[in-house]
């Protein structure tokens, strides 16, 4: 099981390094990400356990994956991640696990989600061109995109454009498990 203090320290170091590499001030990163300057200070000092949404907004503003913000070292040619090294985000009785990610030549993230009955997660809009695809392993997922609900049954898969707010919901009576891939194009410029 991962050590929350080590993860927070890793996130702090990686956010500072990526911000410095891009020559961004805290105020500039706050404006780009929609995350308050105060929250960014707490993240960069390792004093908070940021949510998935906060990390997603920071990563997007920095042009990297969430995986890049939580990884301890550089990615080798082949990288095998044991289950105990996947980073988990608890949300009530639900959980999202970032299994692995990459940011070259495009941003890719592989997630495993477990949603408890009656729970949901609101996904922020990703940059233009971002796509998400998922497959439901058990239960039933209600995916809301562009204001429309789409029910994805066990064994079914879905692909959607994720540049608008979206929601994953479990409206059933049992647990819903799904695997999701996020694909975000790299920007041609560095903003």
N, C-alpha and C. Protein backbone atom coordinates (compact mmCIF):
# COMPACT_ATOMS: atom_id res chain seq x y z
N UNK A 1 0.85 -1.19 0.00
CA UNK A 1 0.00 0.00 0.00
C UNK A 1 0.89 1.24 0.00
N UNK A 2 0.47 2.26 -0.77
CA UNK A 2 1.28 3.45 -0.91
C UNK A 2 1.23 4.31 0.35
N UNK A 3 2.33 5.05 0.59
CA UNK A 3 2.47 5.93 1.73
C UNK A 3 1.96 7.32 1.32
N UNK A 4 0.86 7.80 1.93
CA UNK A 4 0.30 9.10 1.52
C UNK A 4 1.29 10.26 1.63
N UNK A 5 2.15 10.24 2.64
CA UNK A 5 3.13 11.33 2.79
C UNK A 5 4.13 11.31 1.65
N UNK A 6 4.56 10.10 1.23
CA UNK A 6 5.49 10.00 0.12
C UNK A 6 4.83 10.47 -1.18
N UNK A 7 3.58 10.09 -1.38
CA UNK A 7 2.86 10.51 -2.58
C UNK A 7 2.71 12.03 -2.60
N UNK A 8 2.32 12.63 -1.47
CA UNK A 8 2.17 14.08 -1.41
C UNK A 8 3.51 14.78 -1.67
N UNK A 9 4.60 14.23 -1.14
CA UNK A 9 5.93 14.82 -1.36
C UNK A 9 6.32 14.69 -2.84
N UNK A 10 6.00 13.56 -3.44
CA UNK A 10 6.30 13.35 -4.86
C UNK A 10 5.51 14.32 -5.72
N UNK A 11 4.21 14.45 -5.43
CA UNK A 11 3.37 15.39 -6.17
C UNK A 11 3.92 16.80 -6.02
N UNK A 12 4.28 17.19 -4.80
CA UNK A 12 4.82 18.53 -4.54
C UNK A 12 6.05 18.79 -5.40
N UNK A 13 6.97 17.85 -5.38
CA UNK A 13 8.22 18.01 -6.13
C UNK A 13 7.96 18.07 -7.63
N UNK A 14 7.11 17.18 -8.13
CA UNK A 14 6.84 17.14 -9.57
C UNK A 14 6.09 18.37 -10.05
N UNK A 15 5.12 18.87 -9.28
CA UNK A 15 4.40 20.08 -9.70
C UNK A 15 5.36 21.26 -9.74
N UNK A 16 6.19 21.41 -8.70
CA UNK A 16 7.17 22.51 -8.68
C UNK A 16 8.11 22.42 -9.88
N UNK A 17 8.61 21.20 -10.16
CA UNK A 17 9.56 21.01 -11.26
C UNK A 17 8.92 21.33 -12.61
N UNK A 18 7.71 20.85 -12.85
CA UNK A 18 7.04 21.11 -14.14
C UNK A 18 6.68 22.59 -14.27
N UNK A 19 6.27 23.21 -13.18
CA UNK A 19 5.95 24.64 -13.22
C UNK A 19 7.20 25.44 -13.53
N UNK A 20 8.32 25.10 -12.86
CA UNK A 20 9.58 25.81 -13.09
C UNK A 20 10.07 25.60 -14.52
N UNK A 21 9.95 24.37 -15.02
CA UNK A 21 10.39 24.06 -16.38
C UNK A 21 9.65 24.92 -17.40
N UNK A 22 8.40 25.22 -17.15
CA UNK A 22 7.61 26.03 -18.07
C UNK A 22 7.71 27.52 -17.76
N UNK A 23 8.44 27.88 -16.71
CA UNK A 23 8.62 29.28 -16.36
C UNK A 23 7.34 29.94 -15.87
N UNK A 24 6.49 29.16 -15.22
CA UNK A 24 5.21 29.68 -14.75
C UNK A 24 5.30 30.11 -13.29
N UNK A 25 4.66 31.21 -12.98
CA UNK A 25 4.50 31.61 -11.58
C UNK A 25 3.32 30.84 -11.01
N UNK A 26 3.17 30.87 -9.69
CA UNK A 26 2.00 30.26 -9.08
C UNK A 26 0.72 30.90 -9.59
N UNK A 27 0.74 32.23 -9.76
CA UNK A 27 -0.43 32.93 -10.26
C UNK A 27 -0.78 32.50 -11.68
N UNK A 28 0.25 32.32 -12.52
CA UNK A 28 0.00 31.90 -13.91
C UNK A 28 -0.56 30.48 -13.94
N UNK A 29 -0.02 29.59 -13.12
CA UNK A 29 -0.54 28.22 -13.07
C UNK A 29 -1.96 28.21 -12.53
N UNK A 30 -2.24 29.05 -11.55
CA UNK A 30 -3.59 29.14 -11.01
C UNK A 30 -4.57 29.59 -12.09
N UNK A 31 -4.18 30.59 -12.87
CA UNK A 31 -5.05 31.08 -13.94
C UNK A 31 -5.28 30.01 -15.01
N UNK A 32 -4.24 29.28 -15.37
CA UNK A 32 -4.35 28.23 -16.39
C UNK A 32 -5.18 27.05 -15.93
N UNK A 33 -5.02 26.69 -14.65
CA UNK A 33 -5.62 25.45 -14.15
C UNK A 33 -6.99 25.63 -13.53
N UNK A 34 -7.29 26.84 -13.08
CA UNK A 34 -8.53 27.04 -12.34
C UNK A 34 -8.43 26.56 -10.90
N UNK A 35 -7.21 26.25 -10.46
CA UNK A 35 -6.95 25.86 -9.07
C UNK A 35 -6.41 27.10 -8.36
N UNK A 36 -6.94 27.38 -7.18
CA UNK A 36 -6.53 28.60 -6.49
C UNK A 36 -5.04 28.61 -6.16
N UNK A 37 -4.48 29.80 -6.06
CA UNK A 37 -3.06 29.94 -5.71
C UNK A 37 -2.79 29.30 -4.35
N UNK A 38 -3.70 29.50 -3.41
CA UNK A 38 -3.55 28.91 -2.08
C UNK A 38 -3.47 27.39 -2.11
N UNK A 39 -4.33 26.78 -2.93
CA UNK A 39 -4.30 25.31 -3.06
C UNK A 39 -3.00 24.88 -3.71
N UNK A 40 -2.53 25.62 -4.73
CA UNK A 40 -1.27 25.27 -5.38
C UNK A 40 -0.10 25.35 -4.40
N UNK A 41 -0.11 26.35 -3.53
CA UNK A 41 0.94 26.46 -2.50
C UNK A 41 0.91 25.23 -1.61
N UNK A 42 -0.29 24.83 -1.18
CA UNK A 42 -0.40 23.64 -0.32
C UNK A 42 0.08 22.39 -1.05
N UNK A 43 -0.26 22.25 -2.34
CA UNK A 43 0.17 21.09 -3.12
C UNK A 43 1.69 21.09 -3.24
N UNK A 44 2.28 22.25 -3.59
CA UNK A 44 3.73 22.32 -3.78
C UNK A 44 4.52 22.18 -2.48
N UNK A 45 3.86 22.38 -1.37
CA UNK A 45 4.53 22.18 -0.08
C UNK A 45 4.21 20.81 0.52
N UNK A 46 3.42 20.01 -0.19
CA UNK A 46 3.09 18.67 0.27
C UNK A 46 2.20 18.66 1.51
N UNK A 47 1.44 19.73 1.71
CA UNK A 47 0.60 19.84 2.91
C UNK A 47 -0.84 19.42 2.69
N UNK A 48 -1.17 18.93 1.49
CA UNK A 48 -2.54 18.52 1.21
C UNK A 48 -2.53 17.26 0.35
N UNK A 49 -3.63 16.55 0.40
CA UNK A 49 -3.83 15.37 -0.43
C UNK A 49 -4.81 15.81 -1.52
N UNK A 50 -4.30 16.28 -2.69
CA UNK A 50 -5.20 16.83 -3.70
C UNK A 50 -6.13 15.79 -4.29
N UNK A 51 -7.32 16.24 -4.66
CA UNK A 51 -8.32 15.35 -5.28
C UNK A 51 -7.92 15.02 -6.71
N UNK A 52 -8.60 14.03 -7.28
CA UNK A 52 -8.38 13.67 -8.68
C UNK A 52 -8.66 14.88 -9.58
N UNK A 53 -9.73 15.60 -9.32
CA UNK A 53 -10.08 16.76 -10.15
C UNK A 53 -9.01 17.83 -10.08
N UNK A 54 -8.50 18.10 -8.87
CA UNK A 54 -7.44 19.10 -8.72
C UNK A 54 -6.19 18.68 -9.47
N UNK A 55 -5.78 17.42 -9.30
CA UNK A 55 -4.59 16.93 -10.01
C UNK A 55 -4.79 16.96 -11.53
N UNK A 56 -5.99 16.63 -11.98
CA UNK A 56 -6.28 16.64 -13.41
C UNK A 56 -6.15 18.05 -13.97
N UNK A 57 -6.68 19.03 -13.26
CA UNK A 57 -6.60 20.42 -13.73
C UNK A 57 -5.16 20.92 -13.74
N UNK A 58 -4.39 20.58 -12.70
CA UNK A 58 -2.98 20.99 -12.64
C UNK A 58 -2.19 20.32 -13.77
N UNK A 59 -2.38 19.01 -13.93
CA UNK A 59 -1.65 18.27 -14.97
C UNK A 59 -1.97 18.83 -16.36
N UNK A 60 -3.24 19.09 -16.61
CA UNK A 60 -3.65 19.63 -17.91
C UNK A 60 -3.00 20.98 -18.16
N UNK A 61 -2.98 21.83 -17.15
CA UNK A 61 -2.38 23.16 -17.30
C UNK A 61 -0.87 23.08 -17.53
N UNK A 62 -0.24 22.02 -17.00
CA UNK A 62 1.20 21.84 -17.19
C UNK A 62 1.52 21.03 -18.44
N UNK A 63 0.50 20.46 -19.09
CA UNK A 63 0.72 19.68 -20.30
C UNK A 63 1.31 18.31 -20.04
N UNK A 64 1.00 17.74 -18.87
CA UNK A 64 1.50 16.40 -18.51
C UNK A 64 0.33 15.56 -18.02
N UNK A 65 0.59 14.28 -17.79
CA UNK A 65 -0.44 13.40 -17.25
C UNK A 65 -0.47 13.48 -15.74
N UNK A 66 -1.57 13.04 -15.17
CA UNK A 66 -1.64 12.90 -13.71
C UNK A 66 -0.56 11.92 -13.27
N UNK A 67 -0.35 10.88 -14.07
CA UNK A 67 0.69 9.89 -13.74
C UNK A 67 2.05 10.55 -13.60
N UNK A 68 2.35 11.52 -14.44
CA UNK A 68 3.65 12.21 -14.36
C UNK A 68 3.77 12.97 -13.05
N UNK A 69 2.66 13.46 -12.51
CA UNK A 69 2.72 14.20 -11.25
C UNK A 69 2.90 13.28 -10.05
N UNK A 70 2.48 12.02 -10.15
CA UNK A 70 2.58 11.12 -8.99
C UNK A 70 3.72 10.12 -9.10
N UNK A 71 4.43 10.09 -10.25
CA UNK A 71 5.49 9.10 -10.40
C UNK A 71 6.77 9.55 -9.71
N UNK A 72 7.49 8.56 -9.19
CA UNK A 72 8.69 8.82 -8.41
C UNK A 72 9.91 9.03 -9.29
N UNK A 73 10.00 8.35 -10.42
CA UNK A 73 11.20 8.46 -11.26
C UNK A 73 10.83 8.49 -12.73
N UNK A 74 11.86 8.64 -13.57
CA UNK A 74 11.65 8.66 -15.02
C UNK A 74 11.10 7.34 -15.51
N UNK A 75 10.39 7.38 -16.63
CA UNK A 75 9.78 6.19 -17.21
C UNK A 75 10.80 5.49 -18.11
N UNK A 76 11.12 4.22 -17.85
CA UNK A 76 12.04 3.50 -18.72
C UNK A 76 11.33 3.03 -19.99
N UNK A 77 12.06 2.35 -20.88
CA UNK A 77 11.47 1.85 -22.12
C UNK A 77 10.30 0.92 -21.83
N UNK A 78 10.46 0.03 -20.87
CA UNK A 78 9.36 -0.83 -20.42
C UNK A 78 9.18 -0.57 -18.93
N UNK A 79 7.98 -0.31 -18.56
CA UNK A 79 7.70 -0.03 -17.15
C UNK A 79 6.59 -0.94 -16.69
N UNK A 80 6.86 -1.73 -15.67
CA UNK A 80 5.86 -2.60 -15.07
C UNK A 80 5.53 -2.01 -13.70
N UNK A 81 4.26 -1.78 -13.47
CA UNK A 81 3.81 -1.20 -12.20
C UNK A 81 3.12 -2.28 -11.40
N UNK A 82 3.71 -2.69 -10.27
CA UNK A 82 3.01 -3.67 -9.42
C UNK A 82 1.76 -3.03 -8.81
N UNK A 83 0.76 -3.83 -8.48
CA UNK A 83 -0.50 -3.29 -7.98
C UNK A 83 -0.35 -2.37 -6.76
N UNK A 84 0.60 -2.68 -5.89
CA UNK A 84 0.75 -1.86 -4.68
C UNK A 84 1.32 -0.47 -4.99
N UNK A 85 1.82 -0.23 -6.22
CA UNK A 85 2.36 1.07 -6.58
C UNK A 85 1.35 1.94 -7.34
N UNK A 86 0.19 1.40 -7.67
CA UNK A 86 -0.86 2.21 -8.29
C UNK A 86 -1.33 3.23 -7.25
N UNK A 87 -1.62 4.43 -7.71
CA UNK A 87 -2.04 5.49 -6.80
C UNK A 87 -3.56 5.51 -6.72
N UNK A 88 -4.09 5.45 -5.50
CA UNK A 88 -5.54 5.40 -5.29
C UNK A 88 -6.06 6.73 -4.77
N UNK A 89 -7.25 7.07 -5.22
CA UNK A 89 -7.96 8.26 -4.76
C UNK A 89 -9.29 7.78 -4.20
N UNK A 90 -9.50 8.01 -2.91
CA UNK A 90 -10.75 7.59 -2.25
C UNK A 90 -11.77 8.72 -2.36
N UNK A 91 -13.01 8.35 -2.67
CA UNK A 91 -14.11 9.32 -2.80
C UNK A 91 -15.33 8.70 -2.14
N UNK A 92 -15.52 8.93 -0.87
CA UNK A 92 -16.60 8.26 -0.16
C UNK A 92 -16.29 6.78 -0.11
N UNK A 93 -17.23 5.95 -0.54
CA UNK A 93 -17.01 4.51 -0.61
C UNK A 93 -16.42 4.09 -1.96
N UNK A 94 -16.22 5.05 -2.85
CA UNK A 94 -15.72 4.76 -4.19
C UNK A 94 -14.22 5.01 -4.25
N UNK A 95 -13.61 4.48 -5.33
CA UNK A 95 -12.17 4.61 -5.47
C UNK A 95 -11.80 4.65 -6.95
N UNK A 96 -10.83 5.51 -7.26
CA UNK A 96 -10.22 5.54 -8.60
C UNK A 96 -8.75 5.23 -8.42
N UNK A 97 -8.22 4.32 -9.25
CA UNK A 97 -6.80 3.97 -9.18
C UNK A 97 -6.15 4.30 -10.51
N UNK A 98 -5.13 5.15 -10.47
CA UNK A 98 -4.35 5.45 -11.65
C UNK A 98 -3.31 4.34 -11.78
N UNK A 99 -3.50 3.46 -12.75
CA UNK A 99 -2.64 2.29 -12.89
C UNK A 99 -1.32 2.63 -13.55
N UNK A 100 -1.35 3.46 -14.61
CA UNK A 100 -0.14 3.84 -15.32
C UNK A 100 -0.48 4.99 -16.27
N UNK A 101 0.52 5.75 -16.65
CA UNK A 101 0.31 6.85 -17.58
C UNK A 101 1.57 7.17 -18.35
N UNK A 102 1.40 7.90 -19.43
CA UNK A 102 2.52 8.34 -20.27
C UNK A 102 2.17 9.70 -20.84
N UNK A 103 3.20 10.46 -21.23
CA UNK A 103 2.91 11.77 -21.81
C UNK A 103 3.64 12.04 -23.13
N UNK A 104 4.24 11.03 -23.71
CA UNK A 104 4.88 11.18 -25.01
C UNK A 104 4.53 9.98 -25.88
N UNK A 105 4.11 10.11 -27.11
CA UNK A 105 3.90 11.34 -27.85
C UNK A 105 2.56 11.99 -27.56
N UNK A 106 1.66 11.30 -26.87
CA UNK A 106 0.40 11.90 -26.44
C UNK A 106 0.21 11.54 -24.97
N UNK A 107 -0.66 12.22 -24.32
CA UNK A 107 -0.94 11.95 -22.92
C UNK A 107 -1.92 10.78 -22.85
N UNK A 108 -1.53 9.72 -22.15
CA UNK A 108 -2.36 8.54 -21.96
C UNK A 108 -2.40 8.18 -20.49
N UNK A 109 -3.57 7.81 -20.00
CA UNK A 109 -3.72 7.36 -18.61
C UNK A 109 -4.63 6.14 -18.59
N UNK A 110 -4.27 5.16 -17.78
CA UNK A 110 -5.09 3.96 -17.59
C UNK A 110 -5.59 3.96 -16.15
N UNK A 111 -6.90 3.94 -16.00
CA UNK A 111 -7.55 4.03 -14.68
C UNK A 111 -8.41 2.80 -14.42
N UNK A 112 -8.51 2.43 -13.15
CA UNK A 112 -9.47 1.43 -12.69
C UNK A 112 -10.38 2.13 -11.69
N UNK A 113 -11.67 2.06 -11.91
CA UNK A 113 -12.64 2.74 -11.06
C UNK A 113 -13.55 1.73 -10.38
N UNK A 114 -13.92 2.04 -9.16
CA UNK A 114 -14.95 1.31 -8.42
C UNK A 114 -15.90 2.36 -7.86
N UNK A 115 -17.16 2.29 -8.28
CA UNK A 115 -18.17 3.22 -7.77
C UNK A 115 -19.16 2.45 -6.92
N UNK A 116 -19.36 2.92 -5.70
CA UNK A 116 -20.34 2.32 -4.80
C UNK A 116 -21.75 2.67 -5.27
N UNK A 117 -22.74 1.90 -4.88
CA UNK A 117 -24.12 2.20 -5.28
C UNK A 117 -24.51 3.63 -4.88
N UNK A 118 -25.12 4.34 -5.81
CA UNK A 118 -25.60 5.70 -5.54
C UNK A 118 -24.53 6.77 -5.63
N UNK A 119 -23.27 6.40 -5.85
CA UNK A 119 -22.21 7.41 -5.91
C UNK A 119 -21.91 7.80 -7.36
N UNK A 120 -21.27 8.97 -7.50
CA UNK A 120 -20.90 9.46 -8.83
C UNK A 120 -19.61 10.27 -8.73
N UNK A 121 -19.01 10.53 -9.87
CA UNK A 121 -17.85 11.41 -9.95
C UNK A 121 -18.06 12.35 -11.12
N UNK A 122 -17.90 13.66 -10.86
CA UNK A 122 -18.01 14.66 -11.91
C UNK A 122 -16.63 14.90 -12.50
N UNK A 123 -16.48 14.63 -13.78
CA UNK A 123 -15.21 14.86 -14.47
C UNK A 123 -15.19 16.25 -15.07
N UNK A 124 -14.10 16.95 -14.85
CA UNK A 124 -13.93 18.27 -15.46
C UNK A 124 -13.70 18.13 -16.96
N UNK A 125 -13.97 19.19 -17.69
CA UNK A 125 -13.70 19.20 -19.12
C UNK A 125 -12.19 19.13 -19.33
N UNK A 126 -11.76 18.25 -20.22
CA UNK A 126 -10.35 18.14 -20.58
C UNK A 126 -10.09 19.06 -21.78
N UNK A 127 -8.83 19.24 -22.16
CA UNK A 127 -8.54 20.06 -23.34
C UNK A 127 -9.18 19.49 -24.61
N UNK A 128 -9.37 20.35 -25.60
CA UNK A 128 -9.98 19.95 -26.88
C UNK A 128 -9.22 18.76 -27.46
N UNK A 129 -9.97 17.81 -27.99
CA UNK A 129 -9.38 16.63 -28.61
C UNK A 129 -9.19 15.45 -27.66
N UNK A 130 -9.48 15.65 -26.39
CA UNK A 130 -9.33 14.55 -25.42
C UNK A 130 -10.46 13.56 -25.62
N UNK A 131 -10.10 12.28 -25.62
CA UNK A 131 -11.07 11.20 -25.74
C UNK A 131 -10.93 10.29 -24.53
N UNK A 132 -12.02 9.71 -24.11
CA UNK A 132 -12.00 8.70 -23.06
C UNK A 132 -12.70 7.47 -23.59
N UNK A 133 -12.17 6.31 -23.24
CA UNK A 133 -12.86 5.07 -23.56
C UNK A 133 -12.84 4.21 -22.31
N UNK A 134 -13.90 3.46 -22.14
CA UNK A 134 -14.02 2.65 -20.94
C UNK A 134 -14.76 1.38 -21.24
N UNK A 135 -14.57 0.41 -20.36
CA UNK A 135 -15.34 -0.82 -20.42
C UNK A 135 -15.78 -1.15 -19.01
N UNK A 136 -17.02 -1.58 -18.88
CA UNK A 136 -17.58 -1.91 -17.57
C UNK A 136 -17.32 -3.38 -17.28
N UNK A 137 -16.64 -3.63 -16.16
CA UNK A 137 -16.30 -4.99 -15.75
C UNK A 137 -17.43 -5.63 -14.94
N UNK A 138 -18.10 -4.81 -14.13
CA UNK A 138 -19.24 -5.32 -13.36
C UNK A 138 -20.17 -4.16 -13.02
N UNK A 139 -21.45 -4.47 -12.89
CA UNK A 139 -22.44 -3.45 -12.59
C UNK A 139 -22.88 -2.72 -13.84
N UNK A 140 -23.41 -1.53 -13.63
CA UNK A 140 -23.92 -0.71 -14.72
C UNK A 140 -23.48 0.72 -14.48
N UNK A 141 -22.93 1.37 -15.49
CA UNK A 141 -22.44 2.73 -15.38
C UNK A 141 -23.35 3.66 -16.17
N UNK A 142 -23.75 4.76 -15.55
CA UNK A 142 -24.46 5.80 -16.29
C UNK A 142 -23.46 6.90 -16.56
N UNK A 143 -23.17 7.10 -17.83
CA UNK A 143 -22.21 8.10 -18.30
C UNK A 143 -23.00 9.28 -18.84
N UNK A 144 -22.75 10.45 -18.30
CA UNK A 144 -23.44 11.66 -18.77
C UNK A 144 -22.43 12.54 -19.48
N UNK A 145 -22.69 12.79 -20.76
CA UNK A 145 -21.82 13.61 -21.60
C UNK A 145 -22.70 14.53 -22.41
N UNK A 146 -22.34 15.81 -22.49
CA UNK A 146 -23.11 16.79 -23.24
C UNK A 146 -24.58 16.79 -22.81
N UNK A 147 -24.83 16.55 -21.52
CA UNK A 147 -26.17 16.58 -20.96
C UNK A 147 -27.00 15.33 -21.21
N UNK A 148 -26.48 14.35 -21.94
CA UNK A 148 -27.23 13.13 -22.22
C UNK A 148 -26.70 11.96 -21.42
N UNK A 149 -27.61 11.14 -20.90
CA UNK A 149 -27.23 9.94 -20.15
C UNK A 149 -27.08 8.76 -21.10
N UNK A 150 -26.03 7.96 -20.84
CA UNK A 150 -25.77 6.76 -21.63
C UNK A 150 -25.48 5.63 -20.65
N UNK A 151 -26.28 4.58 -20.70
CA UNK A 151 -26.11 3.46 -19.78
C UNK A 151 -25.16 2.46 -20.44
N UNK A 152 -24.10 2.11 -19.71
CA UNK A 152 -23.10 1.16 -20.20
C UNK A 152 -23.18 -0.07 -19.30
N UNK A 153 -23.62 -1.17 -19.88
CA UNK A 153 -23.82 -2.42 -19.14
C UNK A 153 -22.50 -3.18 -18.98
N UNK A 154 -22.48 -4.16 -18.09
CA UNK A 154 -21.33 -5.05 -17.92
C UNK A 154 -20.95 -5.65 -19.27
N UNK A 155 -19.66 -5.59 -19.59
CA UNK A 155 -19.16 -6.13 -20.84
C UNK A 155 -19.21 -5.16 -22.01
N UNK A 156 -19.94 -4.07 -21.86
CA UNK A 156 -20.02 -3.07 -22.93
C UNK A 156 -18.90 -2.05 -22.77
N UNK A 157 -18.64 -1.32 -23.85
CA UNK A 157 -17.60 -0.29 -23.85
C UNK A 157 -18.18 1.00 -24.40
N UNK A 158 -17.53 2.11 -24.09
CA UNK A 158 -17.97 3.41 -24.58
C UNK A 158 -16.75 4.25 -24.93
N UNK A 159 -16.91 5.11 -25.91
CA UNK A 159 -15.89 6.05 -26.34
C UNK A 159 -16.56 7.41 -26.44
N UNK A 160 -15.94 8.46 -25.89
CA UNK A 160 -16.55 9.77 -25.98
C UNK A 160 -15.50 10.87 -25.96
N UNK A 161 -15.91 12.03 -26.48
CA UNK A 161 -15.09 13.23 -26.44
C UNK A 161 -15.26 13.85 -25.07
N UNK A 162 -14.14 14.08 -24.39
CA UNK A 162 -14.20 14.50 -22.98
C UNK A 162 -13.78 15.95 -22.78
N UNK A 163 -14.07 16.81 -23.75
CA UNK A 163 -13.70 18.22 -23.61
C UNK A 163 -14.82 19.08 -23.02
N UNK A 164 -15.80 18.42 -22.46
CA UNK A 164 -16.88 19.07 -21.73
C UNK A 164 -17.04 18.36 -20.39
N UNK A 165 -17.66 19.00 -19.41
CA UNK A 165 -17.89 18.28 -18.15
C UNK A 165 -18.67 16.98 -18.41
N UNK A 166 -18.34 15.96 -17.64
CA UNK A 166 -18.99 14.67 -17.79
C UNK A 166 -19.10 14.03 -16.41
N UNK A 167 -19.91 12.97 -16.34
CA UNK A 167 -20.18 12.33 -15.04
C UNK A 167 -20.23 10.83 -15.20
N UNK A 168 -19.63 10.15 -14.22
CA UNK A 168 -19.73 8.70 -14.12
C UNK A 168 -20.59 8.43 -12.90
N UNK A 169 -21.67 7.66 -13.04
CA UNK A 169 -22.58 7.43 -11.92
C UNK A 169 -22.97 5.96 -11.85
N UNK A 170 -23.13 5.51 -10.62
CA UNK A 170 -23.65 4.17 -10.36
C UNK A 170 -25.05 4.35 -9.78
N UNK A 171 -26.06 4.14 -10.58
CA UNK A 171 -27.43 4.28 -10.13
C UNK A 171 -28.03 2.95 -9.70
N UNK A 172 -27.20 1.90 -9.72
CA UNK A 172 -27.66 0.57 -9.36
C UNK A 172 -27.54 0.29 -7.87
N UNK A 173 -27.82 -0.96 -7.51
CA UNK A 173 -27.78 -1.37 -6.10
C UNK A 173 -26.50 -2.10 -5.74
N UNK A 174 -25.68 -2.44 -6.74
CA UNK A 174 -24.41 -3.12 -6.50
C UNK A 174 -23.25 -2.25 -6.96
N UNK A 175 -22.06 -2.67 -6.63
CA UNK A 175 -20.84 -1.95 -7.01
C UNK A 175 -20.66 -1.97 -8.53
N UNK A 176 -20.13 -0.87 -9.09
CA UNK A 176 -19.80 -0.78 -10.50
C UNK A 176 -18.28 -0.65 -10.63
N UNK A 177 -17.69 -1.53 -11.46
CA UNK A 177 -16.25 -1.46 -11.72
C UNK A 177 -16.03 -1.24 -13.21
N UNK A 178 -15.11 -0.33 -13.54
CA UNK A 178 -14.78 -0.13 -14.95
C UNK A 178 -13.33 0.28 -15.11
N UNK A 179 -12.81 0.01 -16.30
CA UNK A 179 -11.46 0.41 -16.69
C UNK A 179 -11.61 1.53 -17.71
N UNK A 180 -10.78 2.57 -17.57
CA UNK A 180 -10.90 3.73 -18.45
C UNK A 180 -9.52 4.15 -18.95
N UNK A 181 -9.46 4.55 -20.21
CA UNK A 181 -8.26 5.13 -20.81
C UNK A 181 -8.59 6.56 -21.20
N UNK A 182 -7.71 7.49 -20.82
CA UNK A 182 -7.84 8.89 -21.21
C UNK A 182 -6.72 9.17 -22.21
N UNK A 183 -7.08 9.71 -23.37
CA UNK A 183 -6.11 10.06 -24.41
C UNK A 183 -6.25 11.54 -24.71
N UNK A 184 -5.19 12.27 -24.42
CA UNK A 184 -5.20 13.72 -24.61
C UNK A 184 -4.07 14.09 -25.57
N UNK A 185 -4.36 14.81 -26.66
CA UNK A 185 -3.29 15.18 -27.59
C UNK A 185 -2.30 16.14 -26.94
N UNK A 186 -1.06 16.03 -27.34
CA UNK A 186 -0.05 16.98 -26.89
C UNK A 186 -0.28 18.27 -27.64
N UNK A 187 -0.04 19.36 -26.99
CA UNK A 187 -0.18 20.64 -27.65
C UNK A 187 1.05 20.89 -28.53
N UNK A 188 0.83 21.53 -29.65
CA UNK A 188 1.94 21.83 -30.55
C UNK A 188 2.87 22.86 -29.93
N UNK A 189 2.31 23.83 -29.21
CA UNK A 189 3.16 24.82 -28.55
C UNK A 189 3.09 24.61 -27.05
N UNK A 190 3.88 25.36 -26.33
CA UNK A 190 3.93 25.23 -24.87
C UNK A 190 3.16 26.34 -24.20
N UNK A 191 2.13 26.83 -24.90
CA UNK A 191 1.27 27.92 -24.44
C UNK A 191 2.13 29.08 -24.07
